[in-house]
Each structure stands twice: as C-alpha cells, then as structure tokens.
PDB file of N, CA and C in Angstrom:
ATOM      1  N   UNK A   1      -6.339   9.905 -20.730  1.00  0.00           N
ATOM      2  CA  UNK A   1      -4.947   9.990 -19.737  1.00  0.00           C
ATOM      3  C   UNK A   1      -4.577   9.633 -18.824  1.00  0.00           C
ATOM      4  N   UNK A   2      -2.927   9.854 -18.229  1.00  0.00           N
ATOM      5  CA  UNK A   2      -2.746   9.278 -16.980  1.00  0.00           C
ATOM      6  C   UNK A   2      -3.414  10.016 -15.271  1.00  0.00           C
ATOM      7  N   UNK A   3      -3.597   9.015 -14.925  1.00  0.00           N
ATOM      8  CA  UNK A   3      -3.928  10.246 -13.610  1.00  0.00           C
ATOM      9  C   UNK A   3      -1.888  10.339 -12.797  1.00  0.00           C
ATOM     10  N   UNK A   4      -1.710  11.254 -12.338  1.00  0.00           N
ATOM     11  CA  UNK A   4      -0.345  11.486 -11.311  1.00  0.00           C
ATOM     12  C   UNK A   4      -0.233  10.380 -10.288  1.00  0.00           C
ATOM     13  N   UNK A   5       0.817   9.722  -9.945  1.00  0.00           N
ATOM     14  CA  UNK A   5       1.141   9.104  -8.694  1.00  0.00           C
ATOM     15  C   UNK A   5       1.484   9.940  -7.219  1.00  0.00           C
ATOM     16  N   UNK A   6       0.162   9.876  -6.557  1.00  0.00           N
ATOM     17  CA  UNK A   6       0.277  10.263  -4.893  1.00  0.00           C
ATOM     18  C   UNK A   6       0.703  10.067  -3.884  1.00  0.00           C
ATOM     19  N   UNK A   7       1.722  10.290  -3.433  1.00  0.00           N
ATOM     20  CA  UNK A   7       2.438   9.647  -2.251  1.00  0.00           C
ATOM     21  C   UNK A   7       0.765   9.037  -1.135  1.00  0.00           C
ATOM     22  N   UNK A   8       0.375  10.064  -1.115  1.00  0.00           N
ATOM     23  CA  UNK A   8      -0.122   9.872   0.556  1.00  0.00           C
ATOM     24  C   UNK A   8      -1.474   8.979  -0.326  1.00  0.00           C
ATOM     25  N   UNK A   9      -1.641   8.829  -1.679  1.00  0.00           N
ATOM     26  CA  UNK A   9      -2.657   7.876  -1.977  1.00  0.00           C
ATOM     27  C   UNK A   9      -2.677   6.365  -2.342  1.00  0.00           C
ATOM     28  N   UNK A  10      -3.270   5.086  -1.362  1.00  0.00           N
ATOM     29  CA  UNK A  10      -3.026   4.113  -2.546  1.00  0.00           C
ATOM     30  C   UNK A  10      -3.325   4.192  -4.026  1.00  0.00           C
ATOM     31  N   UNK A  11      -2.321   3.367  -3.713  1.00  0.00           N
ATOM     32  CA  UNK A  11      -2.817   3.466  -5.830  1.00  0.00           C
ATOM     33  C   UNK A  11      -3.634   2.200  -6.709  1.00  0.00           C
ATOM     34  N   UNK A  12      -4.065   0.910  -4.920  1.00  0.00           N
ATOM     35  CA  UNK A  12      -4.716   0.183  -5.293  1.00  0.00           C
ATOM     36  C   UNK A  12      -6.703   0.301  -5.013  1.00  0.00           C
ATOM     37  N   UNK A  13      -6.560   1.342  -3.731  1.00  0.00           N
ATOM     38  CA  UNK A  13      -8.274   1.119  -4.128  1.00  0.00           C
ATOM     39  C   UNK A  13      -8.162   3.243  -3.583  1.00  0.00           C
ATOM     40  N   UNK A  14      -7.612   3.765  -4.464  1.00  0.00           N
ATOM     41  CA  UNK A  14      -7.183   5.539  -4.166  1.00  0.00           C
ATOM     42  C   UNK A  14      -8.175   6.054  -2.754  1.00  0.00           C
ATOM     43  N   UNK A  15      -6.963   5.836  -1.611  1.00  0.00           N
ATOM     44  CA  UNK A  15      -8.474   6.609  -0.155  1.00  0.00           C
ATOM     45  C   UNK A  15      -6.499   6.560   0.128  1.00  0.00           C
ATOM     46  N   UNK A  16      -6.954   7.404   0.979  1.00  0.00           N
ATOM     47  CA  UNK A  16      -5.639   8.353   1.798  1.00  0.00           C
ATOM     48  C   UNK A  16      -5.317   6.795   2.298  1.00  0.00           C
ATOM     49  N   UNK A  17      -3.548   6.606   1.875  1.00  0.00           N
ATOM     50  CA  UNK A  17      -2.829   5.206   2.325  1.00  0.00           C
ATOM     51  C   UNK A  17      -1.594   5.451   4.002  1.00  0.00           C
ATOM     52  N   UNK A  18      -2.017   7.096   4.635  1.00  0.00           N
ATOM     53  CA  UNK A  18      -1.602   6.786   6.007  1.00  0.00           C
ATOM     54  C   UNK A  18      -0.103   6.497   6.116  1.00  0.00           C
ATOM     55  N   UNK A  19       0.226   6.753   5.292  1.00  0.00           N
ATOM     56  CA  UNK A  19       1.899   7.439   5.133  1.00  0.00           C
ATOM     57  C   UNK A  19       2.410   8.106   5.345  1.00  0.00           C
ATOM     58  N   UNK A  20       3.490   7.864   6.841  1.00  0.00           N
ATOM     59  CA  UNK A  20       3.761   9.180   7.018  1.00  0.00           C
ATOM     60  C   UNK A  20       5.052   9.879   6.350  1.00  0.00           C
ATOM     61  N   UNK A  21       6.092   8.611   6.252  1.00  0.00           N
ATOM     62  CA  UNK A  21       6.585  10.268   4.539  1.00  0.00           C
ATOM     63  C   UNK A  21       6.666  10.802   4.190  1.00  0.00           C
ATOM     64  N   UNK A  22       4.764  10.460   3.093  1.00  0.00           N
ATOM     65  CA  UNK A  22       4.354  11.437   2.756  1.00  0.00           C
ATOM     66  C   UNK A  22       3.528  13.016   3.236  1.00  0.00           C
ATOM     67  N   UNK A  23       3.926  12.620   5.136  1.00  0.00           N
ATOM     68  CA  UNK A  23       3.407  13.172   5.963  1.00  0.00           C
ATOM     69  C   UNK A  23       4.629  14.748   6.369  1.00  0.00           C
ATOM     70  N   UNK A  24       5.521  14.356   5.788  1.00  0.00           N
ATOM     71  CA  UNK A  24       6.703  14.687   6.448  1.00  0.00           C
ATOM     72  C   UNK A  24       7.607  14.259   7.527  1.00  0.00           C
ATOM     73  N   UNK A  25       7.086  12.844   7.976  1.00  0.00           N
ATOM     74  CA  UNK A  25       7.735  12.468   9.179  1.00  0.00           C
ATOM     75  C   UNK A  25       8.641  11.346   8.049  1.00  0.00           C
ATOM     76  N   UNK A  26       9.442  10.779   9.922  1.00  0.00           N
ATOM     77  CA  UNK A  26      10.725   9.799   9.481  1.00  0.00           C
ATOM     78  C   UNK A  26      10.381   8.146   9.133  1.00  0.00           C
ATOM     79  N   UNK A  27       9.523   8.125   9.342  1.00  0.00           N
ATOM     80  CA  UNK A  27       8.944   6.955   8.957  1.00  0.00           C
ATOM     81  C   UNK A  27       7.635   6.243   9.640  1.00  0.00           C
ATOM     82  N   UNK A  28       6.955   5.556   8.453  1.00  0.00           N
ATOM     83  CA  UNK A  28       6.151   5.182   8.504  1.00  0.00           C
ATOM     84  C   UNK A  28       5.591   3.698   8.503  1.00  0.00           C
ATOM     85  N   UNK A  29       4.183   3.338   8.521  1.00  0.00           N
ATOM     86  CA  UNK A  29       3.370   2.227   9.371  1.00  0.00           C
ATOM     87  C   UNK A  29       4.293   1.358   8.571  1.00  0.00           C
ATOM     88  N   UNK A  30       4.310   1.740   7.080  1.00  0.00           N
ATOM     89  CA  UNK A  30       4.942   0.702   6.834  1.00  0.00           C
ATOM     90  C   UNK A  30       6.028  -0.536   6.643  1.00  0.00           C
ATOM     91  N   UNK A  31       7.078   0.343   7.475  1.00  0.00           N
ATOM     92  CA  UNK A  31       8.744  -0.060   7.462  1.00  0.00           C
ATOM     93  C   UNK A  31       8.737  -0.723   8.994  1.00  0.00           C
ATOM     94  N   UNK A  32       7.605  -1.500   9.373  1.00  0.00           N
ATOM     95  CA  UNK A  32       7.029  -2.573  10.762  1.00  0.00           C
ATOM     96  C   UNK A  32       6.682  -3.269  10.602  1.00  0.00           C
ATOM     97  N   UNK A  33       6.038  -3.314   9.511  1.00  0.00           N
ATOM     98  CA  UNK A  33       4.667  -4.736   8.891  1.00  0.00           C
ATOM     99  C   UNK A  33       5.777  -5.548   7.699  1.00  0.00           C
ATOM    100  N   UNK A  34       5.401  -6.536   7.585  1.00  0.00           N
ATOM    101  CA  UNK A  34       5.164  -7.783   6.747  1.00  0.00           C
ATOM    102  C   UNK A  34       3.371  -7.915   5.968  1.00  0.00           C
ATOM    103  N   UNK A  35       4.181  -7.444   4.437  1.00  0.00           N
ATOM    104  CA  UNK A  35       3.255  -7.133   3.405  1.00  0.00           C
ATOM    105  C   UNK A  35       3.023  -8.271   2.282  1.00  0.00           C
ATOM    106  N   UNK A  36       2.087  -8.776   2.339  1.00  0.00           N
ATOM    107  CA  UNK A  36       2.468 -10.491   1.282  1.00  0.00           C
ATOM    108  C   UNK A  36       2.634  -9.493  -0.018  1.00  0.00           C
ATOM    109  N   UNK A  37       3.095 -11.427  -0.126  1.00  0.00           N
ATOM    110  CA  UNK A  37       3.374 -11.148  -1.802  1.00  0.00           C
ATOM    111  C   UNK A  37       1.859  -9.884  -2.511  1.00  0.00           C
ATOM    112  N   UNK A  38       1.194 -10.884  -2.143  1.00  0.00           N
ATOM    113  CA  UNK A  38      -0.043 -10.138  -3.238  1.00  0.00           C
ATOM    114  C   UNK A  38      -0.707  -9.219  -3.218  1.00  0.00           C
ATOM    115  N   UNK A  39      -0.595  -8.956  -2.010  1.00  0.00           N
ATOM    116  CA  UNK A  39      -0.627  -7.209  -2.544  1.00  0.00           C
ATOM    117  C   UNK A  39       0.431  -6.489  -2.869  1.00  0.00           C
ATOM    118  N   UNK A  40       1.816  -6.398  -3.252  1.00  0.00           N
ATOM    119  CA  UNK A  40       2.632  -5.420  -3.645  1.00  0.00           C
ATOM    120  C   UNK A  40       2.037  -6.167  -5.070  1.00  0.00           C
ATOM    121  N   UNK A  41       1.839  -7.471  -5.821  1.00  0.00           N
ATOM    122  CA  UNK A  41       2.021  -7.655  -7.055  1.00  0.00           C
ATOM    123  C   UNK A  41       0.545  -6.797  -7.470  1.00  0.00           C
ATOM    124  N   UNK A  42      -0.543  -6.677  -6.548  1.00  0.00           N
ATOM    125  CA  UNK A  42      -1.050  -5.103  -7.048  1.00  0.00           C
ATOM    126  C   UNK A  42      -1.374  -4.134  -6.860  1.00  0.00           C
ATOM    127  N   UNK A  43      -0.397  -3.528  -6.528  1.00  0.00           N
ATOM    128  CA  UNK A  43       0.391  -1.949  -7.262  1.00  0.00           C
ATOM    129  C   UNK A  43       0.803  -1.707  -8.390  1.00  0.00           C
ATOM    130  N   UNK A  44       0.176  -1.054  -9.728  1.00  0.00           N
ATOM    131  CA  UNK A  44       0.180  -0.577 -10.817  1.00  0.00           C
ATOM    132  C   UNK A  44       1.711  -0.551 -10.816  1.00  0.00           C
ATOM    133  N   UNK A  45       2.419  -0.393 -11.752  1.00  0.00           N
ATOM    134  CA  UNK A  45       3.925  -0.825 -12.141  1.00  0.00           C
ATOM    135  C   UNK A  45       4.287   0.738 -11.477  1.00  0.00           C
ATOM    136  N   UNK A  46       2.831   2.119 -12.303  1.00  0.00           N
ATOM    137  CA  UNK A  46       3.446   3.368 -12.317  1.00  0.00           C
ATOM    138  C   UNK A  46       3.742   3.686 -11.060  1.00  0.00           C
ATOM    139  N   UNK A  47       3.291   3.091 -10.239  1.00  0.00           N
ATOM    140  CA  UNK A  47       3.304   3.590  -9.197  1.00  0.00           C
ATOM    141  C   UNK A  47       4.370   2.619  -8.495  1.00  0.00           C
ATOM    142  N   UNK A  48       4.959   1.898  -8.269  1.00  0.00           N
ATOM    143  CA  UNK A  48       5.829   1.594  -7.142  1.00  0.00           C
ATOM    144  C   UNK A  48       6.674   2.015  -7.344  1.00  0.00           C
ATOM    145  N   UNK A  49       7.684   2.262  -5.964  1.00  0.00           N
ATOM    146  CA  UNK A  49       8.526   2.671  -5.537  1.00  0.00           C
ATOM    147  C   UNK A  49       7.909   4.755  -5.220  1.00  0.00           C
ATOM    148  N   UNK A  50       6.992   4.296  -6.179  1.00  0.00           N
ATOM    149  CA  UNK A  50       6.513   5.812  -5.878  1.00  0.00           C
ATOM    150  C   UNK A  50       4.786   6.477  -4.080  1.00  0.00           C
ATOM    151  N   UNK A  51       4.212   5.180  -4.381  1.00  0.00           N
ATOM    152  CA  UNK A  51       3.664   5.424  -3.265  1.00  0.00           C
ATOM    153  C   UNK A  51       2.848   3.619  -2.285  1.00  0.00           C
ATOM    154  N   UNK A  52       3.150   3.918  -1.192  1.00  0.00           N
ATOM    155  CA  UNK A  52       2.453   3.102  -0.206  1.00  0.00           C
ATOM    156  C   UNK A  52       1.625   2.623  -0.238  1.00  0.00           C
ATOM    157  N   UNK A  53       0.801   0.979  -0.299  1.00  0.00           N
ATOM    158  CA  UNK A  53      -0.615   1.772  -0.430  1.00  0.00           C
ATOM    159  C   UNK A  53      -1.089   1.366   0.480  1.00  0.00           C
ATOM    160  N   UNK A  54      -2.278   0.883   2.203  1.00  0.00           N
ATOM    161  CA  UNK A  54      -3.041   1.483   2.180  1.00  0.00           C
ATOM    162  C   UNK A  54      -3.093   0.459   3.564  1.00  0.00           C
ATOM    163  N   UNK A  55      -3.058   0.445   4.963  1.00  0.00           N
ATOM    164  CA  UNK A  55      -2.791  -0.522   5.940  1.00  0.00           C
ATOM    165  C   UNK A  55      -4.541  -2.011   5.703  1.00  0.00           C
ATOM    166  N   UNK A  56      -5.359  -1.048   5.092  1.00  0.00           N
ATOM    167  CA  UNK A  56      -7.064  -2.427   4.607  1.00  0.00           C
ATOM    168  C   UNK A  56      -6.768  -3.320   3.344  1.00  0.00           C
ATOM    169  N   UNK A  57      -5.680  -2.122   2.760  1.00  0.00           N
ATOM    170  CA  UNK A  57      -5.607  -2.957   1.112  1.00  0.00           C
ATOM    171  C   UNK A  57      -3.533  -4.031   0.898  1.00  0.00           C
ATOM    172  N   UNK A  58      -3.169  -3.822   2.373  1.00  0.00           N
ATOM    173  CA  UNK A  58      -2.307  -4.423   2.149  1.00  0.00           C
ATOM    174  C   UNK A  58      -2.272  -6.364   4.180  1.00  0.00           C
ATOM    175  N   UNK A  59      -4.028  -6.387   4.158  1.00  0.00           N
ATOM    176  CA  UNK A  59      -4.324  -6.575   5.036  1.00  0.00           C
ATOM    177  C   UNK A  59      -4.916  -7.566   4.691  1.00  0.00           C
ATOM    178  N   UNK A  60      -5.469  -7.238   3.476  1.00  0.00           N
ATOM    179  CA  UNK A  60      -6.547  -7.319   2.305  1.00  0.00           C
ATOM    180  C   UNK A  60      -6.440  -8.853   1.756  1.00  0.00           C
ATOM    181  N   UNK A  61      -5.190  -9.017   1.425  1.00  0.00           N
ATOM    182  CA  UNK A  61      -4.314 -10.324   0.820  1.00  0.00           C
ATOM    183  C   UNK A  61      -4.784 -10.892   2.436  1.00  0.00           C
ATOM    184  N   UNK A  62      -3.894 -10.818   3.023  1.00  0.00           N
ATOM    185  CA  UNK A  62      -3.605 -11.853   4.075  1.00  0.00           C
ATOM    186  C   UNK A  62      -5.619 -12.304   5.235  1.00  0.00           C
ATOM    187  N   UNK A  63      -6.031 -11.621   4.567  1.00  0.00           N
ATOM    188  CA  UNK A  63      -7.537 -11.752   4.735  1.00  0.00           C
ATOM    189  C   UNK A  63      -7.940 -13.060   4.418  1.00  0.00           C
ATOM    190  N   UNK A  64      -7.469 -13.108   3.178  1.00  0.00           N
ATOM    191  CA  UNK A  64      -8.596 -13.181   1.802  1.00  0.00           C
ATOM    192  C   UNK A  64      -7.744 -14.916   1.566  1.00  0.00           C
ATOM    193  N   UNK A  65      -6.441 -14.870   2.899  1.00  0.00           N
ATOM    194  CA  UNK A  65      -5.917 -16.832   3.024  1.00  0.00           C
ATOM    195  C   UNK A  65      -6.663 -17.320   3.141  1.00  0.00           C
ATOM    196  N   UNK A  66      -6.490 -19.263   3.044  1.00  0.00           N
ATOM    197  CA  UNK A  66      -8.146 -19.696   3.337  1.00  0.00           C
ATOM    198  C   UNK A  66      -6.645 -20.211   5.509  1.00  0.00           C
ATOM    199  N   UNK A  67      -7.682 -19.960   6.561  1.00  0.00           N
ATOM    200  CA  UNK A  67      -6.739 -20.818   7.321  1.00  0.00           C
ATOM    201  C   UNK A  67      -6.817 -21.853   6.963  1.00  0.00           C
ATOM    202  N   UNK A  68      -5.524 -22.259   7.943  1.00  0.00           N
ATOM    203  CA  UNK A  68      -5.430 -23.480   8.675  1.00  0.00           C
ATOM    204  C   UNK A  68      -5.600 -23.925   9.333  1.00  0.00           C
ATOM    205  N   UNK A  69      -6.133 -25.519   9.840  1.00  0.00           N
ATOM    206  CA  UNK A  69      -6.414 -26.510  10.556  1.00  0.00           C
ATOM    207  C   UNK A  69      -5.345 -26.555  11.358  1.00  0.00           C
TER     208      UNK A  69
END
C-alpha cells in the first residue's frame, strides 16, 4: 500500500520538514536555501513538488561532500 504524501513531512526521512507553506505561512525556509542536487535526487518521484525535504536532509548532502584544501 502506497503511503500518502504529507506536505509537512520530509519525504526523505519521514520527520517534520519545517515547511512554512504547510503551516499556512506565505514563505518557507527553503525559499532562501541552496539545496544540493544530491539532496533533491533523493526525493521519491511521487513526492516531488508536493513536500519539502527537511533542513537536516538538505544539509546532509553538503556535509557529506569532501572538503577541499
């Protein structure tokens, strides 16, 4: 059985995503964020354009990148 997509839940980890839009606000934290392509690629197809990933999942791709010297 397929799970319904909730706009307030991160489709990557299943935790609350802090989405301002799903809370009835006119803005969201992600409007100003630079989310790496690797993080966006982990969003399941059925959730694309329906639910934001959470800030932690958005940062996970950045944190996992090797640091340049």
